[in-house]
């Protein structure tokens, strides 16, 4: 199962409120071909899930995951960090066999 830290949950809820979307809205978490290492993560606020999505409720946030992405997201923790270099979402994926310095690309 995928998890969101408390900080990531708060940021997602802020984004949903800022965009004034409907109550069915949620966070799409996707794994897409590309990036330095073969796959990259994608995050997007969407109004509703697709018909074949897996829908999770994590800390009150709806998460939409397509069937392709689901196989790569088991055990992933999403966090939101702020540092001297900037701020943003980070992914800790125990299933990744490699990655690159950008932190948003991985090999499975």
PDB file of N, CA and C in Angstrom:
ATOM      1  N   UNK A   1       0.832  -1.187   0.000  1.00  0.00           N
ATOM      2  CA  UNK A   1       0.000   0.000   0.000  1.00  0.00           C
ATOM      3  C   UNK A   1       0.871   1.243   0.000  1.00  0.00           C
ATOM      4  N   UNK A   2       0.454   2.245  -0.703  1.00  0.00           N
ATOM      5  CA  UNK A   2       1.155   3.518  -0.765  1.00  0.00           C
ATOM      6  C   UNK A   2       0.776   4.363   0.453  1.00  0.00           C
ATOM      7  N   UNK A   3       1.692   5.222   0.902  1.00  0.00           N
ATOM      8  CA  UNK A   3       1.404   6.097   2.041  1.00  0.00           C
ATOM      9  C   UNK A   3       1.752   7.545   1.709  1.00  0.00           C
ATOM     10  N   UNK A   4       1.087   8.448   2.408  1.00  0.00           N
ATOM     11  CA  UNK A   4       1.392   9.884   2.355  1.00  0.00           C
ATOM     12  C   UNK A   4       1.773  10.308   3.762  1.00  0.00           C
ATOM     13  N   UNK A   5       2.824  11.081   3.889  1.00  0.00           N
ATOM     14  CA  UNK A   5       3.160  11.625   5.197  1.00  0.00           C
ATOM     15  C   UNK A   5       2.142  12.705   5.550  1.00  0.00           C
ATOM     16  N   UNK A   6       2.133  13.097   6.808  1.00  0.00           N
ATOM     17  CA  UNK A   6       1.217  14.153   7.252  1.00  0.00           C
ATOM     18  C   UNK A   6       1.480  15.452   6.491  1.00  0.00           C
ATOM     19  N   UNK A   7       2.739  15.768   6.243  1.00  0.00           N
ATOM     20  CA  UNK A   7       3.092  16.993   5.520  1.00  0.00           C
ATOM     21  C   UNK A   7       2.597  16.940   4.081  1.00  0.00           C
ATOM     22  N   UNK A   8       2.766  15.800   3.419  1.00  0.00           N
ATOM     23  CA  UNK A   8       2.291  15.647   2.041  1.00  0.00           C
ATOM     24  C   UNK A   8       0.776  15.734   1.992  1.00  0.00           C
ATOM     25  N   UNK A   9       0.110  15.117   2.950  1.00  0.00           N
ATOM     26  CA  UNK A   9      -1.353  15.165   3.007  1.00  0.00           C
ATOM     27  C   UNK A   9      -1.842  16.603   3.112  1.00  0.00           C
ATOM     28  N   UNK A  10      -1.219  17.364   3.984  1.00  0.00           N
ATOM     29  CA  UNK A  10      -1.594  18.766   4.175  1.00  0.00           C
ATOM     30  C   UNK A  10      -1.425  19.566   2.877  1.00  0.00           C
ATOM     31  N   UNK A  11      -0.319  19.355   2.170  1.00  0.00           N
ATOM     32  CA  UNK A  11      -0.068  20.078   0.914  1.00  0.00           C
ATOM     33  C   UNK A  11      -1.096  19.709  -0.150  1.00  0.00           C
ATOM     34  N   UNK A  12      -1.419  18.413  -0.261  1.00  0.00           N
ATOM     35  CA  UNK A  12      -2.410  17.981  -1.251  1.00  0.00           C
ATOM     36  C   UNK A  12      -3.766  18.612  -0.932  1.00  0.00           C
ATOM     37  N   UNK A  13      -4.160  18.599   0.335  1.00  0.00           N
ATOM     38  CA  UNK A  13      -5.434  19.205   0.722  1.00  0.00           C
ATOM     39  C   UNK A  13      -5.444  20.700   0.413  1.00  0.00           C
ATOM     40  N   UNK A  14      -4.317  21.371   0.624  1.00  0.00           N
ATOM     41  CA  UNK A  14      -4.210  22.798   0.279  1.00  0.00           C
ATOM     42  C   UNK A  14      -4.395  23.009  -1.218  1.00  0.00           C
ATOM     43  N   UNK A  15      -3.741  22.179  -2.048  1.00  0.00           N
ATOM     44  CA  UNK A  15      -3.861  22.303  -3.504  1.00  0.00           C
ATOM     45  C   UNK A  15      -5.301  22.085  -3.958  1.00  0.00           C
ATOM     46  N   UNK A  16      -5.969  21.083  -3.383  1.00  0.00           N
ATOM     47  CA  UNK A  16      -7.358  20.803  -3.752  1.00  0.00           C
ATOM     48  C   UNK A  16      -8.243  21.994  -3.393  1.00  0.00           C
ATOM     49  N   UNK A  17      -8.064  22.569  -2.200  1.00  0.00           N
ATOM     50  CA  UNK A  17      -8.856  23.726  -1.787  1.00  0.00           C
ATOM     51  C   UNK A  17      -8.572  24.950  -2.651  1.00  0.00           C
ATOM     52  N   UNK A  18      -7.304  25.184  -2.992  1.00  0.00           N
ATOM     53  CA  UNK A  18      -6.929  26.326  -3.825  1.00  0.00           C
ATOM     54  C   UNK A  18      -7.577  26.266  -5.201  1.00  0.00           C
ATOM     55  N   UNK A  19      -7.721  25.051  -5.738  1.00  0.00           N
ATOM     56  CA  UNK A  19      -8.284  24.894  -7.077  1.00  0.00           C
ATOM     57  C   UNK A  19      -9.800  24.812  -7.067  1.00  0.00           C
ATOM     58  N   UNK A  20     -10.411  24.800  -5.876  1.00  0.00           N
ATOM     59  CA  UNK A  20     -11.854  24.821  -5.749  1.00  0.00           C
ATOM     60  C   UNK A  20     -12.563  23.703  -6.491  1.00  0.00           C
ATOM     61  N   UNK A  21     -11.994  22.516  -6.470  1.00  0.00           N
ATOM     62  CA  UNK A  21     -12.595  21.393  -7.189  1.00  0.00           C
ATOM     63  C   UNK A  21     -13.637  20.688  -6.334  1.00  0.00           C
ATOM     64  N   UNK A  22     -14.406  19.841  -6.974  1.00  0.00           N
ATOM     65  CA  UNK A  22     -15.519  19.152  -6.332  1.00  0.00           C
ATOM     66  C   UNK A  22     -15.058  18.162  -5.267  1.00  0.00           C
ATOM     67  N   UNK A  23     -16.011  17.672  -4.492  1.00  0.00           N
ATOM     68  CA  UNK A  23     -15.705  16.757  -3.396  1.00  0.00           C
ATOM     69  C   UNK A  23     -15.176  15.401  -3.877  1.00  0.00           C
ATOM     70  N   UNK A  24     -15.407  15.054  -5.128  1.00  0.00           N
ATOM     71  CA  UNK A  24     -14.889  13.799  -5.673  1.00  0.00           C
ATOM     72  C   UNK A  24     -13.432  13.922  -6.111  1.00  0.00           C
ATOM     73  N   UNK A  25     -12.874  15.121  -6.023  1.00  0.00           N
ATOM     74  CA  UNK A  25     -11.506  15.365  -6.483  1.00  0.00           C
ATOM     75  C   UNK A  25     -10.498  14.582  -5.662  1.00  0.00           C
ATOM     76  N   UNK A  26      -9.374  14.302  -6.310  1.00  0.00           N
ATOM     77  CA  UNK A  26      -8.315  13.592  -5.621  1.00  0.00           C
ATOM     78  C   UNK A  26      -6.987  13.790  -6.311  1.00  0.00           C
ATOM     79  N   UNK A  27      -5.994  13.128  -5.795  1.00  0.00           N
ATOM     80  CA  UNK A  27      -4.637  13.207  -6.317  1.00  0.00           C
ATOM     81  C   UNK A  27      -4.362  11.997  -7.197  1.00  0.00           C
ATOM     82  N   UNK A  28      -4.055  12.246  -8.467  1.00  0.00           N
ATOM     83  CA  UNK A  28      -3.627  11.157  -9.343  1.00  0.00           C
ATOM     84  C   UNK A  28      -2.133  10.964  -9.145  1.00  0.00           C
ATOM     85  N   UNK A  29      -1.752   9.739  -8.799  1.00  0.00           N
ATOM     86  CA  UNK A  29      -0.349   9.366  -8.679  1.00  0.00           C
ATOM     87  C   UNK A  29      -0.082   8.390  -9.812  1.00  0.00           C
ATOM     88  N   UNK A  30       0.862   8.733 -10.664  1.00  0.00           N
ATOM     89  CA  UNK A  30       1.124   7.917 -11.849  1.00  0.00           C
ATOM     90  C   UNK A  30       2.613   7.636 -11.999  1.00  0.00           C
ATOM     91  N   UNK A  31       2.890   6.532 -12.644  1.00  0.00           N
ATOM     92  CA  UNK A  31       4.247   6.200 -13.066  1.00  0.00           C
ATOM     93  C   UNK A  31       4.225   6.268 -14.587  1.00  0.00           C
ATOM     94  N   UNK A  32       5.120   7.076 -15.132  1.00  0.00           N
ATOM     95  CA  UNK A  32       5.148   7.321 -16.569  1.00  0.00           C
ATOM     96  C   UNK A  32       6.489   6.906 -17.160  1.00  0.00           C
ATOM     97  N   UNK A  33       6.492   6.365 -18.363  1.00  0.00           N
ATOM     98  CA  UNK A  33       7.770   6.088 -19.016  1.00  0.00           C
ATOM     99  C   UNK A  33       8.530   7.395 -19.239  1.00  0.00           C
ATOM    100  N   UNK A  34       9.825   7.379 -19.000  1.00  0.00           N
ATOM    101  CA  UNK A  34      10.638   8.572 -19.228  1.00  0.00           C
ATOM    102  C   UNK A  34      11.567   8.844 -18.065  1.00  0.00           C
ATOM    103  N   UNK A  35      12.127  10.011 -18.059  1.00  0.00           N
ATOM    104  CA  UNK A  35      13.074  10.378 -17.017  1.00  0.00           C
ATOM    105  C   UNK A  35      14.449   9.791 -17.288  1.00  0.00           C
ATOM    106  N   UNK A  36      15.383  10.099 -16.447  1.00  0.00           N
ATOM    107  CA  UNK A  36      16.770   9.662 -16.601  1.00  0.00           C
ATOM    108  C   UNK A  36      16.937   8.152 -16.485  1.00  0.00           C
ATOM    109  N   UNK A  37      16.087   7.508 -15.674  1.00  0.00           N
ATOM    110  CA  UNK A  37      16.285   6.098 -15.350  1.00  0.00           C
ATOM    111  C   UNK A  37      15.217   5.160 -15.916  1.00  0.00           C
ATOM    112  N   UNK A  38      14.303   5.667 -16.706  1.00  0.00           N
ATOM    113  CA  UNK A  38      13.301   4.791 -17.321  1.00  0.00           C
ATOM    114  C   UNK A  38      11.876   5.095 -16.943  1.00  0.00           C
ATOM    115  N   UNK A  39      11.626   5.464 -15.674  1.00  0.00           N
ATOM    116  CA  UNK A  39      10.294   5.816 -15.212  1.00  0.00           C
ATOM    117  C   UNK A  39      10.364   7.098 -14.404  1.00  0.00           C
ATOM    118  N   UNK A  40       9.264   7.837 -14.418  1.00  0.00           N
ATOM    119  CA  UNK A  40       9.175   9.022 -13.582  1.00  0.00           C
ATOM    120  C   UNK A  40       7.786   9.093 -12.959  1.00  0.00           C
ATOM    121  N   UNK A  41       7.689   9.799 -11.850  1.00  0.00           N
ATOM    122  CA  UNK A  41       6.424   9.951 -11.145  1.00  0.00           C
ATOM    123  C   UNK A  41       5.663  11.145 -11.685  1.00  0.00           C
ATOM    124  N   UNK A  42       4.359  11.045 -11.636  1.00  0.00           N
ATOM    125  CA  UNK A  42       3.504  12.160 -12.013  1.00  0.00           C
ATOM    126  C   UNK A  42       2.451  12.371 -10.948  1.00  0.00           C
ATOM    127  N   UNK A  43       2.182  13.622 -10.607  1.00  0.00           N
ATOM    128  CA  UNK A  43       1.143  13.990  -9.644  1.00  0.00           C
ATOM    129  C   UNK A  43       0.249  15.031 -10.289  1.00  0.00           C
ATOM    130  N   UNK A  44      -1.061  14.888 -10.091  1.00  0.00           N
ATOM    131  CA  UNK A  44      -1.992  15.843 -10.651  1.00  0.00           C
ATOM    132  C   UNK A  44      -3.275  15.813  -9.839  1.00  0.00           C
ATOM    133  N   UNK A  45      -3.864  16.973  -9.598  1.00  0.00           N
ATOM    134  CA  UNK A  45      -5.182  17.039  -8.960  1.00  0.00           C
ATOM    135  C   UNK A  45      -6.212  16.846 -10.068  1.00  0.00           C
ATOM    136  N   UNK A  46      -7.132  15.892  -9.864  1.00  0.00           N
ATOM    137  CA  UNK A  46      -8.159  15.615 -10.861  1.00  0.00           C
ATOM    138  C   UNK A  46      -9.535  15.658 -10.215  1.00  0.00           C
ATOM    139  N   UNK A  47     -10.532  16.036 -11.005  1.00  0.00           N
ATOM    140  CA  UNK A  47     -11.896  16.184 -10.511  1.00  0.00           C
ATOM    141  C   UNK A  47     -12.541  14.864 -10.109  1.00  0.00           C
ATOM    142  N   UNK A  48     -12.195  13.786 -10.817  1.00  0.00           N
ATOM    143  CA  UNK A  48     -12.792  12.485 -10.527  1.00  0.00           C
ATOM    144  C   UNK A  48     -11.902  11.381 -11.081  1.00  0.00           C
ATOM    145  N   UNK A  49     -12.081  10.155 -10.587  1.00  0.00           N
ATOM    146  CA  UNK A  49     -11.256   9.050 -11.078  1.00  0.00           C
ATOM    147  C   UNK A  49     -11.724   8.553 -12.440  1.00  0.00           C
ATOM    148  N   UNK A  50     -10.843   7.836 -13.117  1.00  0.00           N
ATOM    149  CA  UNK A  50     -11.207   7.124 -14.343  1.00  0.00           C
ATOM    150  C   UNK A  50     -11.897   5.819 -13.944  1.00  0.00           C
ATOM    151  N   UNK A  51     -12.608   5.207 -14.867  1.00  0.00           N
ATOM    152  CA  UNK A  51     -13.392   4.011 -14.549  1.00  0.00           C
ATOM    153  C   UNK A  51     -12.549   2.827 -14.088  1.00  0.00           C
ATOM    154  N   UNK A  52     -11.296   2.728 -14.539  1.00  0.00           N
ATOM    155  CA  UNK A  52     -10.461   1.585 -14.164  1.00  0.00           C
ATOM    156  C   UNK A  52      -9.442   1.906 -13.060  1.00  0.00           C
ATOM    157  N   UNK A  53      -9.549   3.069 -12.446  1.00  0.00           N
ATOM    158  CA  UNK A  53      -8.618   3.463 -11.390  1.00  0.00           C
ATOM    159  C   UNK A  53      -8.829   2.677 -10.104  1.00  0.00           C
ATOM    160  N   UNK A  54      -7.739   2.450  -9.400  1.00  0.00           N
ATOM    161  CA  UNK A  54      -7.806   2.011  -8.012  1.00  0.00           C
ATOM    162  C   UNK A  54      -7.949   3.302  -7.209  1.00  0.00           C
ATOM    163  N   UNK A  55      -8.862   3.329  -6.251  1.00  0.00           N
ATOM    164  CA  UNK A  55      -9.089   4.535  -5.458  1.00  0.00           C
ATOM    165  C   UNK A  55      -8.748   4.220  -4.006  1.00  0.00           C
ATOM    166  N   UNK A  56      -7.805   4.976  -3.465  1.00  0.00           N
ATOM    167  CA  UNK A  56      -7.412   4.828  -2.068  1.00  0.00           C
ATOM    168  C   UNK A  56      -7.864   6.057  -1.303  1.00  0.00           C
ATOM    169  N   UNK A  57      -8.092   5.903  -0.023  1.00  0.00           N
ATOM    170  CA  UNK A  57      -8.354   7.039   0.856  1.00  0.00           C
ATOM    171  C   UNK A  57      -7.260   7.011   1.912  1.00  0.00           C
ATOM    172  N   UNK A  58      -6.333   7.946   1.781  1.00  0.00           N
ATOM    173  CA  UNK A  58      -5.202   8.015   2.704  1.00  0.00           C
ATOM    174  C   UNK A  58      -5.278   9.330   3.460  1.00  0.00           C
ATOM    175  N   UNK A  59      -5.518   9.235   4.763  1.00  0.00           N
ATOM    176  CA  UNK A  59      -5.608  10.419   5.625  1.00  0.00           C
ATOM    177  C   UNK A  59      -6.658  11.405   5.125  1.00  0.00           C
ATOM    178  N   UNK A  60      -7.725  10.902   4.532  1.00  0.00           N
ATOM    179  CA  UNK A  60      -8.794  11.755   4.037  1.00  0.00           C
ATOM    180  C   UNK A  60      -8.575  12.304   2.639  1.00  0.00           C
ATOM    181  N   UNK A  61      -7.490  11.915   1.983  1.00  0.00           N
ATOM    182  CA  UNK A  61      -7.206  12.343   0.611  1.00  0.00           C
ATOM    183  C   UNK A  61      -7.489  11.178  -0.330  1.00  0.00           C
ATOM    184  N   UNK A  62      -8.291  11.421  -1.360  1.00  0.00           N
ATOM    185  CA  UNK A  62      -8.537  10.390  -2.364  1.00  0.00           C
ATOM    186  C   UNK A  62      -7.345  10.323  -3.304  1.00  0.00           C
ATOM    187  N   UNK A  63      -6.874   9.105  -3.526  1.00  0.00           N
ATOM    188  CA  UNK A  63      -5.748   8.861  -4.417  1.00  0.00           C
ATOM    189  C   UNK A  63      -6.247   8.018  -5.578  1.00  0.00           C
ATOM    190  N   UNK A  64      -5.974   8.467  -6.811  1.00  0.00           N
ATOM    191  CA  UNK A  64      -6.371   7.738  -8.017  1.00  0.00           C
ATOM    192  C   UNK A  64      -5.114   7.132  -8.642  1.00  0.00           C
ATOM    193  N   UNK A  65      -5.162   5.818  -8.890  1.00  0.00           N
ATOM    194  CA  UNK A  65      -4.010   5.120  -9.469  1.00  0.00           C
ATOM    195  C   UNK A  65      -4.488   4.252 -10.620  1.00  0.00           C
ATOM    196  N   UNK A  66      -3.895   4.446 -11.792  1.00  0.00           N
ATOM    197  CA  UNK A  66      -4.249   3.622 -12.950  1.00  0.00           C
ATOM    198  C   UNK A  66      -3.611   2.246 -12.825  1.00  0.00           C
ATOM    199  N   UNK A  67      -4.142   1.243 -13.546  1.00  0.00           N
ATOM    200  CA  UNK A  67      -3.628  -0.124 -13.424  1.00  0.00           C
ATOM    201  C   UNK A  67      -2.128  -0.268 -13.734  1.00  0.00           C
ATOM    202  N   UNK A  68      -1.610   0.446 -14.720  1.00  0.00           N
ATOM    203  CA  UNK A  68      -0.183   0.362 -15.049  1.00  0.00           C
ATOM    204  C   UNK A  68       0.667   0.848 -13.882  1.00  0.00           C
ATOM    205  N   UNK A  69       0.299   1.984 -13.321  1.00  0.00           N
ATOM    206  CA  UNK A  69       1.091   2.590 -12.246  1.00  0.00           C
ATOM    207  C   UNK A  69       1.044   1.785 -10.958  1.00  0.00           C
ATOM    208  N   UNK A  70      -0.093   1.125 -10.697  1.00  0.00           N
ATOM    209  CA  UNK A  70      -0.283   0.414  -9.429  1.00  0.00           C
ATOM    210  C   UNK A  70       0.825  -0.592  -9.161  1.00  0.00           C
ATOM    211  N   UNK A  71       1.299  -1.259 -10.198  1.00  0.00           N
ATOM    212  CA  UNK A  71       2.330  -2.287 -10.010  1.00  0.00           C
ATOM    213  C   UNK A  71       3.655  -1.713  -9.506  1.00  0.00           C
ATOM    214  N   UNK A  72       3.884  -0.420  -9.695  1.00  0.00           N
ATOM    215  CA  UNK A  72       5.140   0.211  -9.284  1.00  0.00           C
ATOM    216  C   UNK A  72       5.019   1.022  -7.986  1.00  0.00           C
ATOM    217  N   UNK A  73       3.807   1.158  -7.456  1.00  0.00           N
ATOM    218  CA  UNK A  73       3.599   2.062  -6.324  1.00  0.00           C
ATOM    219  C   UNK A  73       3.392   1.375  -4.979  1.00  0.00           C
ATOM    220  N   UNK A  74       3.385   0.056  -4.944  1.00  0.00           N
ATOM    221  CA  UNK A  74       3.193  -0.649  -3.685  1.00  0.00           C
ATOM    222  C   UNK A  74       4.363  -0.359  -2.751  1.00  0.00           C
ATOM    223  N   UNK A  75       4.062   0.147  -1.575  1.00  0.00           N
ATOM    224  CA  UNK A  75       5.095   0.454  -0.587  1.00  0.00           C
ATOM    225  C   UNK A  75       5.712   1.829  -0.704  1.00  0.00           C
ATOM    226  N   UNK A  76       5.308   2.612  -1.703  1.00  0.00           N
ATOM    227  CA  UNK A  76       5.872   3.950  -1.912  1.00  0.00           C
ATOM    228  C   UNK A  76       5.359   4.916  -0.843  1.00  0.00           C
ATOM    229  N   UNK A  77       6.264   5.736  -0.323  1.00  0.00           N
ATOM    230  CA  UNK A  77       5.890   6.805   0.596  1.00  0.00           C
ATOM    231  C   UNK A  77       6.120   8.136  -0.106  1.00  0.00           C
ATOM    232  N   UNK A  78       5.081   8.969  -0.108  1.00  0.00           N
ATOM    233  CA  UNK A  78       5.192  10.311  -0.687  1.00  0.00           C
ATOM    234  C   UNK A  78       5.278  11.303   0.460  1.00  0.00           C
ATOM    235  N   UNK A  79       6.267  12.170   0.386  1.00  0.00           N
ATOM    236  CA  UNK A  79       6.475  13.200   1.405  1.00  0.00           C
ATOM    237  C   UNK A  79       6.556  14.554   0.711  1.00  0.00           C
ATOM    238  N   UNK A  80       6.470  15.616   1.471  1.00  0.00           N
ATOM    239  CA  UNK A  80       6.666  16.960   0.952  1.00  0.00           C
ATOM    240  C   UNK A  80       7.758  17.586   1.804  1.00  0.00           C
ATOM    241  N   UNK A  81       8.852  17.986   1.167  1.00  0.00           N
ATOM    242  CA  UNK A  81       9.988  18.515   1.904  1.00  0.00           C
ATOM    243  C   UNK A  81      10.304  19.945   1.472  1.00  0.00           C
ATOM    244  N   UNK A  82      10.855  20.680   2.424  1.00  0.00           N
ATOM    245  CA  UNK A  82      11.327  22.033   2.174  1.00  0.00           C
ATOM    246  C   UNK A  82      12.783  22.084   2.602  1.00  0.00           C
ATOM    247  N   UNK A  83      13.635  22.559   1.698  1.00  0.00           N
ATOM    248  CA  UNK A  83      15.060  22.644   2.015  1.00  0.00           C
ATOM    249  C   UNK A  83      15.625  23.914   1.389  1.00  0.00           C
ATOM    250  N   UNK A  84      16.897  24.116   1.574  1.00  0.00           N
ATOM    251  CA  UNK A  84      17.577  25.271   0.996  1.00  0.00           C
ATOM    252  C   UNK A  84      17.485  25.237  -0.535  1.00  0.00           C
ATOM    253  N   UNK A  85      17.437  24.036  -1.108  1.00  0.00           N
ATOM    254  CA  UNK A  85      17.393  23.869  -2.558  1.00  0.00           C
ATOM    255  C   UNK A  85      15.989  24.014  -3.144  1.00  0.00           C
ATOM    256  N   UNK A  86      14.984  24.121  -2.289  1.00  0.00           N
ATOM    257  CA  UNK A  86      13.619  24.275  -2.777  1.00  0.00           C
ATOM    258  C   UNK A  86      12.650  23.402  -2.004  1.00  0.00           C
ATOM    259  N   UNK A  87      11.464  23.259  -2.560  1.00  0.00           N
ATOM    260  CA  UNK A  87      10.449  22.451  -1.906  1.00  0.00           C
ATOM    261  C   UNK A  87       9.714  21.625  -2.936  1.00  0.00           C
ATOM    262  N   UNK A  88       9.152  20.515  -2.494  1.00  0.00           N
ATOM    263  CA  UNK A  88       8.393  19.686  -3.407  1.00  0.00           C
ATOM    264  C   UNK A  88       8.146  18.300  -2.854  1.00  0.00           C
ATOM    265  N   UNK A  89       7.414  17.519  -3.616  1.00  0.00           N
ATOM    266  CA  UNK A  89       7.096  16.151  -3.235  1.00  0.00           C
ATOM    267  C   UNK A  89       8.283  15.244  -3.508  1.00  0.00           C
ATOM    268  N   UNK A  90       8.510  14.299  -2.609  1.00  0.00           N
ATOM    269  CA  UNK A  90       9.558  13.305  -2.785  1.00  0.00           C
ATOM    270  C   UNK A  90       8.931  11.915  -2.675  1.00  0.00           C
ATOM    271  N   UNK A  91       9.585  10.937  -3.276  1.00  0.00           N
ATOM    272  CA  UNK A  91       9.091   9.570  -3.321  1.00  0.00           C
ATOM    273  C   UNK A  91      10.154   8.639  -2.762  1.00  0.00           C
ATOM    274  N   UNK A  92       9.744   7.800  -1.838  1.00  0.00           N
ATOM    275  CA  UNK A  92      10.614   6.753  -1.327  1.00  0.00           C
ATOM    276  C   UNK A  92      10.009   5.439  -1.797  1.00  0.00           C
ATOM    277  N   UNK A  93      10.702   4.772  -2.744  1.00  0.00           N
ATOM    278  CA  UNK A  93      10.169   3.573  -3.378  1.00  0.00           C
ATOM    279  C   UNK A  93      11.071   2.375  -3.073  1.00  0.00           C
ATOM    280  N   UNK A  94      10.611   1.466  -2.196  1.00  0.00           N
ATOM    281  CA  UNK A  94      11.428   0.304  -1.864  1.00  0.00           C
ATOM    282  C   UNK A  94      11.570  -0.678  -3.027  1.00  0.00           C
ATOM    283  N   UNK A  95      10.761  -0.537  -4.064  1.00  0.00           N
ATOM    284  CA  UNK A  95      10.796  -1.438  -5.213  1.00  0.00           C
ATOM    285  C   UNK A  95      11.749  -0.968  -6.313  1.00  0.00           C
ATOM    286  N   UNK A  96      12.236   0.255  -6.193  1.00  0.00           N
ATOM    287  CA  UNK A  96      13.129   0.798  -7.222  1.00  0.00           C
ATOM    288  C   UNK A  96      14.493   0.125  -7.127  1.00  0.00           C
ATOM    289  N   UNK A  97      14.994  -0.315  -8.274  1.00  0.00           N
ATOM    290  CA  UNK A  97      16.308  -0.944  -8.281  1.00  0.00           C
ATOM    291  C   UNK A  97      17.412   0.056  -8.603  1.00  0.00           C
ATOM    292  N   UNK A  98      17.042   1.257  -8.939  1.00  0.00           N
ATOM    293  CA  UNK A  98      18.021   2.300  -9.232  1.00  0.00           C
ATOM    294  C   UNK A  98      17.327   3.630  -9.383  1.00  0.00           C
ATOM    295  N   UNK A  99      18.092   4.654  -9.516  1.00  0.00           N
ATOM    296  CA  UNK A  99      17.558   6.007  -9.661  1.00  0.00           C
ATOM    297  C   UNK A  99      18.620   6.930 -10.187  1.00  0.00           C
ATOM    298  N   UNK A 100      18.338   8.203 -10.178  1.00  0.00           N
ATOM    299  CA  UNK A 100      19.334   9.173 -10.609  1.00  0.00           C
ATOM    300  C   UNK A 100      19.335  10.347  -9.644  1.00  0.00           C
ATOM    301  N   UNK A 101      20.200  11.280  -9.875  1.00  0.00           N
ATOM    302  CA  UNK A 101      20.366  12.413  -8.978  1.00  0.00           C
ATOM    303  C   UNK A 101      19.193  13.356  -8.907  1.00  0.00           C
ATOM    304  N   UNK A 102      18.293  13.318  -9.906  1.00  0.00           N
ATOM    305  CA  UNK A 102      17.177  14.261  -9.903  1.00  0.00           C
ATOM    306  C   UNK A 102      16.131  13.909  -8.856  1.00  0.00           C
ATOM    307  N   UNK A 103      16.084  12.641  -8.429  1.00  0.00           N
ATOM    308  CA  UNK A 103      15.154  12.223  -7.387  1.00  0.00           C
ATOM    309  C   UNK A 103      13.741  11.955  -7.855  1.00  0.00           C
ATOM    310  N   UNK A 104      13.440  12.191  -9.130  1.00  0.00           N
ATOM    311  CA  UNK A 104      12.082  11.943  -9.607  1.00  0.00           C
ATOM    312  C   UNK A 104      12.040  10.881 -10.690  1.00  0.00           C
ATOM    313  N   UNK A 105      13.124  10.177 -10.878  1.00  0.00           N
ATOM    314  CA  UNK A 105      13.209   9.134 -11.892  1.00  0.00           C
ATOM    315  C   UNK A 105      13.751   7.869 -11.250  1.00  0.00           C
ATOM    316  N   UNK A 106      13.257   6.708 -11.705  1.00  0.00           N
ATOM    317  CA  UNK A 106      13.717   5.449 -11.103  1.00  0.00           C
ATOM    318  C   UNK A 106      13.698   4.311 -12.105  1.00  0.00           C
ATOM    319  N   UNK A 107      14.375   3.243 -11.727  1.00  0.00           N
ATOM    320  CA  UNK A 107      14.404   1.991 -12.492  1.00  0.00           C
ATOM    321  C   UNK A 107      13.738   0.929 -11.644  1.00  0.00           C
ATOM    322  N   UNK A 108      12.926   0.103 -12.292  1.00  0.00           N
ATOM    323  CA  UNK A 108      12.262  -0.975 -11.545  1.00  0.00           C
ATOM    324  C   UNK A 108      12.721  -2.330 -12.070  1.00  0.00           C
TER     325      UNK A 108
END
